[in-house]
Every structure is written in C-alpha cells, then in structure tokens.
C-alpha cells in the first residue's frame, strides 16, 4: 500500500467514530423498541419534563408508537373499539356536534388519553359547529393557551386562542398532556403480536426442523439409509405429515431414535403466551371477556353476559360519560348528552 493510501485509510478510521457520535438528537425520551423495565436509569430524564420543539411541547411518549401499537393485539384494539361503540350508542347527537364527530373524538381520547374539539365559528363570530381534531398531530404551545397541528416537525395549522377544548386523562408526571390508562399492558400487546408473528413464520417456513432421526444400528446397509433419507426429504409440501415404515431385521434396541427438537414446547408456549397476554390486556381495559366474544376454555365459563354488561356499564361507561360532559362547561351549552346504558334499548 502506498503512503497516500495509508494516510487515506487512517483518516477514514479517524473520522468514522466522529460521524457515529454526531447523530441528530431524539425529540422524546420514550421509544417503542427493545423490552425495558419500568424502573430504569432513564428515570433521570423525568426531571427534564417535556421537550420543547419549535415553540410547542412534544408529548411524553410517541403518539406514532401508540397508533402502531393500536393493532398490535386483537384484544387491545377490540377493547378500545368496544368502549367507543358503547359510548357512541348512548350519545345523543346535537345540531352542533354529530355522532360521527363524537366517535372520532372518543376514539382519540381512549387511545391517546387526549381528545380535542375545535369550535368553528361563522363570519359573525357565532358557533358554526364543533369538529374533532386528530390528537396524534395536535401539540400544545409553550404558553399553554394555543394549540397547533403538526406533521411531526413544522406547524401545518395553528388554532386561534380559545377555540380548542382539550379533554385530558391526567398524568402524574406532567400537566400538559394526558396519557392513556393501558400503558402498563403494552408489553403484553407486543408479546402477543410477537408470538403470532413467530407462529406465522413457523408455518410459512415449511421446512423447519421438527425432529432429529438418530440412527446408530450397524446392521443397516447404505441403501436402506439412502431410501430413508430420500423419504424424509420429500415428506414436505402438499401431502405432508405422511407416515413412514422402516423395517430393520436384526436391529438393536434404540438403534433408531426419533428426537423432537422443540415443536411440542413451542406449541404449548404459544397458547400460554396468547392466553396470558389476553388476560393482561383485558385487565388493563377492564372489559369482561364475555363481552368481546371470547370463548371460555373451562367448563364453568365466564358467567352471565348481561350481568357483566350491567357491572361494566356502571363501573366503566358511566364514569367515562361524566368525563365527556366537561365540554359543556367549556362551551357554555349542553352539547354532550347521554342516554342511560341499557341492554334492552331498541336501535
């Protein structure tokens, strides 16, 4: 290598660590990725509170991550949709706020812990209608009086002062944004998704190692061994799980052994993971399993569905209805009204 090439190589090695260190800083301290315990050294970052970006506060966690996790598990999305549907079925539409607007507002509040309603005015300053604002893209200005809609970096639309109502699920660490109640069950939702994806890859692979055929009997000739190898090689694809017959005259005990690798253990673990993560998600959402159409695995079942629905309506739906009534105090009019949650209501 020439002296010029050596100098270039040394410069390249000297510059590479600097380029690795000078990466753009992250906007938030919370990331969706590798499993991490709740009590970790990142607790020190709580003293920094919320990060200010371009004049507004970034949320304490990634709204994009919450939106992606919404469909990570069947029971996670189903429980949120179930609550939203029950609330929408009891909502009494108002000329200024439609049922469709309420559905979008309620889903945002349940998913992100934040729900935004904008008062749209006419040319005379009167209220034209109330419209839901997507919580995923809404940020609060540092003056805590104005709101802005962003694309993640720049402001797309800035709302006039006093035209946005912010419904908050309170957080114990800060008072700017709310946080959903189910955050503690997100690990269960991700584990549920990972087990399902693993199972799909397991079946789509088609040629996974299901067992080891261990042959030590010296009485076998090479032709029999080759025939057995060829039969196992073609025992996949259409018509798989076919039976094999192997005749070994004069063979010794344990001369031919079938050793499973991990198929049985993986199958049992898959069902355990699905059931445990399902129970964790339902506990976080406080939705009875019989209301989500889950088939019980025991003979006793889950109990009567109507009794569970009544308890769920009193303990879960009624308190949430009371939270949405906060819009009436802000609007100065009875915009939000609900009918009692009953099982014998005719639609």
Protein backbone atom coordinates (compact mmCIF):
# COMPACT_ATOMS: atom_id res chain seq x y z
CA UNK A 1 0.00 0.00 0.00
CA UNK A 2 1.34 3.42 -0.95
CA UNK A 3 1.90 6.21 1.58
CA UNK A 4 -1.04 8.15 0.14
CA UNK A 5 -3.40 5.20 0.53
CA UNK A 6 -2.19 4.63 4.10
CA UNK A 7 -2.92 8.25 5.02
CA UNK A 8 -6.43 7.99 3.47
CA UNK A 9 -7.14 4.82 5.42
CA UNK A 10 -6.01 6.43 8.67
CA UNK A 11 -8.18 9.49 8.03
CA UNK A 12 -11.18 7.25 7.32
CA UNK A 13 -10.74 5.35 10.59
CA UNK A 14 -10.32 8.61 12.49
CA UNK A 15 -13.47 10.19 11.04
CA UNK A 16 -15.83 7.23 11.44
CA UNK A 17 -16.30 7.46 15.25
CA UNK A 18 -17.00 11.21 14.97
CA UNK A 19 -19.69 10.61 12.35
CA UNK A 20 -21.26 7.98 14.58
CA UNK A 21 -21.44 10.31 17.58
CA UNK A 22 -22.82 13.33 15.71
CA UNK A 23 -26.29 11.98 15.13
CA UNK A 24 -29.40 14.15 15.43
CA UNK A 25 -30.86 14.18 18.96
CA UNK A 26 -34.16 12.45 19.60
CA UNK A 27 -37.20 14.63 20.31
CA UNK A 28 -38.60 12.42 23.06
CA UNK A 29 -37.11 10.22 25.74
CA UNK A 30 -39.63 7.38 25.28
CA UNK A 31 -39.15 4.90 22.45
CA UNK A 32 -41.02 1.81 21.31
CA UNK A 33 -38.45 -0.93 20.81
CA UNK A 34 -36.48 -3.34 22.95
CA UNK A 35 -38.13 -4.59 26.17
CA UNK A 36 -37.19 -2.34 29.09
CA UNK A 37 -38.30 -2.43 32.72
CA UNK A 38 -40.30 0.45 34.14
CA UNK A 39 -37.71 1.26 36.82
CA UNK A 40 -34.61 2.04 34.78
CA UNK A 41 -31.86 4.65 34.66
CA UNK A 42 -33.95 6.65 32.17
CA UNK A 43 -35.96 7.84 35.19
CA UNK A 44 -33.41 10.64 35.45
CA UNK A 45 -34.85 12.07 32.24
CA UNK A 46 -38.14 12.73 34.04
CA UNK A 47 -36.52 15.81 35.57
CA UNK A 48 -36.33 17.33 32.09
CA UNK A 49 -40.14 17.19 31.88
CA UNK A 50 -41.41 17.77 28.32
CA UNK A 51 -39.20 18.68 25.38
CA UNK A 52 -39.86 21.99 23.63
CA UNK A 53 -39.71 21.86 19.82
CA UNK A 54 -40.40 24.90 17.61
CA UNK A 55 -42.50 26.58 20.25
CA UNK A 56 -44.65 23.64 21.33
CA UNK A 57 -44.30 20.77 23.79
CA UNK A 58 -43.63 17.29 22.46
CA UNK A 59 -45.73 14.56 24.14
CA UNK A 60 -44.11 12.45 26.88
CA UNK A 61 -44.35 9.34 24.69
CA UNK A 62 -44.56 8.75 20.96
CA UNK A 63 -48.11 9.13 19.65
CA UNK A 64 -46.95 7.34 16.47
CA UNK A 65 -45.86 4.38 18.58
CA UNK A 66 -49.23 4.27 20.32
CA UNK A 67 -51.01 4.39 16.95
CA UNK A 68 -48.90 1.48 15.65
CA UNK A 69 -49.47 -0.50 18.85
CA UNK A 70 -53.22 0.01 18.47
CA UNK A 71 -53.43 -3.01 16.15
CA UNK A 72 -50.60 -5.00 17.73
CA UNK A 73 -53.01 -7.31 19.53
CA UNK A 74 -56.53 -8.40 18.75
CA UNK A 75 -57.85 -7.77 22.23
CA UNK A 76 -56.18 -4.36 22.58
CA UNK A 77 -57.92 -2.82 19.56
CA UNK A 78 -61.14 -4.72 20.21
CA UNK A 79 -61.45 -3.40 23.77
CA UNK A 80 -60.92 0.21 22.65
CA UNK A 81 -63.41 -0.13 19.81
CA UNK A 82 -65.90 -1.75 22.17
CA UNK A 83 -65.74 1.16 24.61
CA UNK A 84 -66.02 3.67 21.78
CA UNK A 85 -69.05 1.90 20.31
CA UNK A 86 -70.84 1.76 23.66
CA UNK A 87 -70.20 5.45 24.28
CA UNK A 88 -71.36 6.36 20.76
CA UNK A 89 -74.53 4.28 21.14
CA UNK A 90 -75.50 6.23 24.26
CA UNK A 91 -74.53 9.64 22.87
CA UNK A 92 -77.42 11.92 21.92
CA UNK A 93 -76.42 13.90 18.79
CA UNK A 94 -76.53 17.70 18.88
CA UNK A 95 -77.04 20.05 15.91
CA UNK A 96 -73.52 21.38 16.52
CA UNK A 97 -71.82 18.02 17.21
CA UNK A 98 -72.68 14.94 15.16
CA UNK A 99 -72.42 11.32 16.22
CA UNK A 100 -69.59 10.74 13.74
CA UNK A 101 -67.60 13.59 15.27
CA UNK A 102 -68.15 12.15 18.73
CA UNK A 103 -66.95 8.70 17.59
CA UNK A 104 -63.65 10.13 16.35
CA UNK A 105 -63.26 12.29 19.46
CA UNK A 106 -63.94 9.36 21.80
CA UNK A 107 -61.53 7.03 19.99
CA UNK A 108 -58.73 9.60 20.19
CA UNK A 109 -59.34 10.09 23.91
CA UNK A 110 -59.35 6.35 24.63
CA UNK A 111 -56.23 5.70 22.55
CA UNK A 112 -54.04 8.69 23.37
CA UNK A 113 -55.52 9.98 26.62
CA UNK A 114 -56.15 13.29 24.82
CA UNK A 115 -59.24 14.43 22.94
CA UNK A 116 -59.51 17.74 21.09
CA UNK A 117 -62.65 19.55 19.91
CA UNK A 118 -62.45 22.73 17.83
CA UNK A 119 -65.14 25.37 17.88
CA UNK A 120 -65.57 26.53 14.29
CA UNK A 121 -67.18 29.96 14.01
CA UNK A 122 -69.07 31.78 11.27
CA UNK A 123 -68.36 35.28 9.99
CA UNK A 124 -70.43 36.82 12.75
CA UNK A 125 -68.45 35.05 15.46
CA UNK A 126 -71.17 32.57 16.34
CA UNK A 127 -70.57 28.85 16.68
CA UNK A 128 -70.92 27.07 13.36
CA UNK A 129 -70.15 23.56 14.61
CA UNK A 130 -67.79 21.54 16.80
CA UNK A 131 -65.26 19.37 14.98
CA UNK A 132 -62.84 16.73 16.27
CA UNK A 133 -59.12 17.47 15.87
CA UNK A 134 -56.75 14.47 15.39
CA UNK A 135 -54.92 14.00 18.67
CA UNK A 136 -51.96 12.29 17.01
CA UNK A 137 -50.89 15.52 15.28
CA UNK A 138 -52.01 18.12 17.83
CA UNK A 139 -49.47 19.84 20.09
CA UNK A 140 -49.79 22.45 22.82
CA UNK A 141 -47.89 25.72 22.63
CA UNK A 142 -45.47 26.60 25.41
CA UNK A 143 -47.79 29.39 26.55
CA UNK A 144 -50.38 26.63 27.28
CA UNK A 145 -53.09 28.75 25.64
CA UNK A 146 -52.82 27.82 21.97
CA UNK A 147 -52.72 24.57 20.01
CA UNK A 148 -51.05 23.70 16.74
CA UNK A 149 -51.42 20.85 14.28
CA UNK A 150 -48.09 19.50 13.05
CA UNK A 151 -46.63 16.94 10.68
CA UNK A 152 -44.01 15.98 13.25
CA UNK A 153 -41.62 18.86 12.66
CA UNK A 154 -43.31 22.00 11.36
CA UNK A 155 -46.66 23.62 12.08
CA UNK A 156 -49.33 22.86 9.49
CA UNK A 157 -52.15 24.78 11.14
CA UNK A 158 -52.35 26.96 14.24
CA UNK A 159 -55.66 27.26 16.03
CA UNK A 160 -56.94 30.55 17.38
CA UNK A 161 -56.72 31.06 21.11
CA UNK A 162 -59.72 29.67 22.95
CA UNK A 163 -61.11 27.65 20.04
CA UNK A 164 -59.84 24.19 21.12
CA UNK A 165 -61.16 22.17 24.04
CA UNK A 166 -58.65 19.67 25.45
CA UNK A 167 -60.05 16.61 27.22
CA UNK A 168 -57.23 15.08 29.30
CA UNK A 169 -56.68 11.75 31.03
CA UNK A 170 -54.43 13.10 33.82
CA UNK A 171 -50.80 12.05 34.08
CA UNK A 172 -48.89 12.04 37.37
CA UNK A 173 -45.64 13.34 35.86
CA UNK A 174 -46.81 16.43 33.94
CA UNK A 175 -49.93 18.54 33.34
CA UNK A 176 -49.64 19.42 29.64
CA UNK A 177 -50.77 16.16 28.01
CA UNK A 178 -52.79 13.20 29.16
CA UNK A 179 -51.77 9.55 28.94
CA UNK A 180 -53.97 6.51 28.31
CA UNK A 181 -54.70 4.08 31.11
CA UNK A 182 -53.48 0.96 29.30
CA UNK A 183 -49.76 1.86 29.06
CA UNK A 184 -48.83 -0.85 31.57
CA UNK A 185 -50.26 -3.53 29.25
CA UNK A 186 -48.36 -2.52 26.10
CA UNK A 187 -45.68 -5.13 26.75
CA UNK A 188 -48.42 -7.76 26.77
CA UNK A 189 -49.77 -6.46 23.45
CA UNK A 190 -46.31 -6.54 21.86
CA UNK A 191 -45.62 -10.04 23.21
CA UNK A 192 -48.97 -11.19 21.82
CA UNK A 193 -48.04 -9.79 18.42
CA UNK A 194 -44.55 -11.32 18.51
CA UNK A 195 -45.90 -14.79 19.33
CA UNK A 196 -48.39 -14.57 16.45
CA UNK A 197 -45.71 -13.45 14.01
CA UNK A 198 -43.41 -16.24 15.20
CA UNK A 199 -46.15 -18.77 14.63
CA UNK A 200 -46.81 -17.45 11.12
CA UNK A 201 -43.14 -17.65 10.21
CA UNK A 202 -43.03 -21.16 11.68
CA UNK A 203 -45.75 -22.39 9.32
CA UNK A 204 -44.65 -20.38 6.29
CA UNK A 205 -41.14 -21.77 6.59
CA UNK A 206 -42.37 -25.23 5.57
CA UNK A 207 -39.02 -26.96 6.07
CA UNK A 208 -38.36 -26.34 9.75
CA UNK A 209 -36.56 -28.96 11.77
CA UNK A 210 -39.31 -30.86 13.54
CA UNK A 211 -37.16 -33.75 14.79
CA UNK A 212 -33.81 -35.49 14.52
CA UNK A 213 -33.72 -39.10 13.25
CA UNK A 214 -30.84 -40.71 15.12
CA UNK A 215 -29.65 -43.97 13.51
CA UNK A 216 -26.80 -45.91 15.23
CA UNK A 217 -27.64 -49.52 14.38
CA UNK A 218 -24.70 -51.03 12.43
CA UNK A 219 -26.96 -53.71 10.96
CA UNK A 220 -28.39 -51.25 8.40
CA UNK A 221 -26.94 -51.07 4.93
CA UNK A 222 -26.34 -47.91 2.98
CA UNK A 223 -29.20 -48.47 0.55
CA UNK A 224 -31.74 -48.52 3.40
CA UNK A 225 -30.25 -45.37 4.87
CA UNK A 226 -30.39 -43.60 1.49
CA UNK A 227 -34.01 -44.66 0.98
CA UNK A 228 -34.98 -43.37 4.41
CA UNK A 229 -33.18 -40.06 3.78
CA UNK A 230 -34.97 -39.65 0.45
CA UNK A 231 -38.37 -40.41 2.02
CA UNK A 232 -37.83 -37.78 4.73
CA UNK A 233 -36.61 -35.26 2.17
CA UNK A 234 -39.83 -35.46 0.15
CA UNK A 235 -42.17 -35.55 3.16
CA UNK A 236 -42.96 -31.82 2.98
CA UNK A 237 -45.15 -29.58 0.86
CA UNK A 238 -48.57 -30.83 -0.31
CA UNK A 239 -49.48 -34.07 1.37
CA UNK A 240 -47.03 -33.70 4.23
CA UNK A 241 -47.34 -35.43 7.61
CA UNK A 242 -47.24 -38.76 5.76
CA UNK A 243 -46.39 -41.96 7.64
CA UNK A 244 -43.10 -43.82 7.21
CA UNK A 245 -42.45 -47.53 7.66
CA UNK A 246 -38.93 -48.71 8.45
CA UNK A 247 -38.03 -52.44 8.72
CA UNK A 248 -34.73 -53.29 10.44
CA UNK A 249 -34.19 -57.06 10.83
CA UNK A 250 -31.59 -57.86 13.45
CA UNK A 251 -31.53 -54.29 14.70
CA UNK A 252 -30.72 -53.41 18.28
CA UNK A 253 -32.89 -51.60 20.80
CA UNK A 254 -32.68 -47.83 20.45
CA UNK A 255 -30.76 -48.25 17.23
CA UNK A 256 -33.27 -45.88 15.57
CA UNK A 257 -34.45 -42.95 17.69
CA UNK A 258 -36.76 -40.03 16.92
CA UNK A 259 -35.73 -36.96 18.91
CA UNK A 260 -38.13 -33.93 18.77
CA UNK A 261 -36.39 -30.58 18.69
CA UNK A 262 -38.83 -28.01 20.08
CA UNK A 263 -42.14 -28.35 18.26
CA UNK A 264 -44.18 -29.55 21.24
CA UNK A 265 -42.68 -27.00 23.61
CA UNK A 266 -43.20 -24.16 21.13
CA UNK A 267 -46.82 -25.16 20.62
CA UNK A 268 -47.59 -25.21 24.34
CA UNK A 269 -45.75 -21.94 24.94
CA UNK A 270 -47.68 -20.26 22.12
CA UNK A 271 -51.04 -21.00 23.73
CA UNK A 272 -49.78 -19.91 27.16
CA UNK A 273 -48.47 -16.60 25.81
CA UNK A 274 -51.68 -15.86 23.93
CA UNK A 275 -53.85 -16.56 26.97
CA UNK A 276 -51.67 -14.67 29.48
CA UNK A 277 -51.28 -11.59 27.30
CA UNK A 278 -55.01 -11.59 26.56
CA UNK A 279 -55.80 -11.59 30.28
CA UNK A 280 -53.34 -8.74 30.89
CA UNK A 281 -54.91 -6.62 28.15
CA UNK A 282 -58.46 -7.23 29.33
CA UNK A 283 -57.42 -6.38 32.89
CA UNK A 284 -55.89 -3.10 31.72
CA UNK A 285 -59.01 -2.16 29.74
CA UNK A 286 -61.36 -3.57 32.39
CA UNK A 287 -63.58 -5.19 29.77
CA UNK A 288 -65.25 -8.52 30.68
CA UNK A 289 -64.14 -11.29 28.27
CA UNK A 290 -67.68 -12.46 27.53
CA UNK A 291 -68.48 -9.02 26.07
CA UNK A 292 -65.69 -9.39 23.50
CA UNK A 293 -66.84 -12.77 22.21
CA UNK A 294 -64.02 -14.76 23.82
CA UNK A 295 -64.77 -18.48 24.13
CA UNK A 296 -64.03 -19.76 27.66
CA UNK A 297 -61.53 -22.58 27.95
CA UNK A 298 -63.05 -24.01 31.13
CA UNK A 299 -66.38 -25.71 31.67
CA UNK A 300 -67.58 -23.07 34.13
CA UNK A 301 -67.45 -20.25 31.58
CA UNK A 302 -67.26 -16.55 32.34
CA UNK A 303 -70.69 -16.09 33.85
CA UNK A 304 -73.80 -14.36 32.51
CA UNK A 305 -73.09 -11.75 29.84
CA UNK A 306 -75.97 -9.47 30.88
CA UNK A 307 -74.74 -9.28 34.47
CA UNK A 308 -71.22 -8.46 33.28
CA UNK A 309 -72.59 -5.79 30.94
CA UNK A 310 -74.51 -4.09 33.75
CA UNK A 311 -71.47 -4.01 36.02
CA UNK A 312 -69.32 -2.77 33.13
CA UNK A 313 -71.84 -0.05 32.35
CA UNK A 314 -71.95 1.20 35.92
CA UNK A 315 -68.23 0.98 36.71
CA UNK A 316 -66.73 1.94 33.33
CA UNK A 317 -69.17 3.58 30.91
CA UNK A 318 -70.84 5.93 33.40
CA UNK A 319 -67.53 7.45 34.63
CA UNK A 320 -66.35 7.95 31.05
CA UNK A 321 -69.62 9.67 30.15
CA UNK A 322 -69.05 12.05 33.05
CA UNK A 323 -65.60 12.91 31.66
CA UNK A 324 -67.01 13.95 28.28
CA UNK A 325 -69.51 16.28 29.97
CA UNK A 326 -66.59 18.66 30.59
CA UNK A 327 -67.17 20.04 27.09
CA UNK A 328 -70.48 21.55 28.26
CA UNK A 329 -68.78 23.74 30.84
CA UNK A 330 -66.29 24.97 28.23
CA UNK A 331 -68.90 25.56 25.50
CA UNK A 332 -71.45 27.18 27.81
CA UNK A 333 -74.22 24.96 26.47
CA UNK A 334 -75.43 21.38 26.86
CA UNK A 335 -73.69 19.93 23.80
CA UNK A 336 -72.94 16.49 25.27
CA UNK A 337 -75.82 14.36 26.49
CA UNK A 338 -76.05 10.62 27.04
CA UNK A 339 -78.90 8.21 27.40
CA UNK A 340 -78.59 5.58 30.16
CA UNK A 341 -76.67 2.46 29.18
CA UNK A 342 -79.28 -0.31 29.00
CA UNK A 343 -79.37 -3.73 27.38
CA UNK A 344 -82.95 -3.60 26.15
CA UNK A 345 -82.68 -0.40 24.06
CA UNK A 346 -84.12 -0.63 20.57
CA UNK A 347 -81.92 0.90 17.85
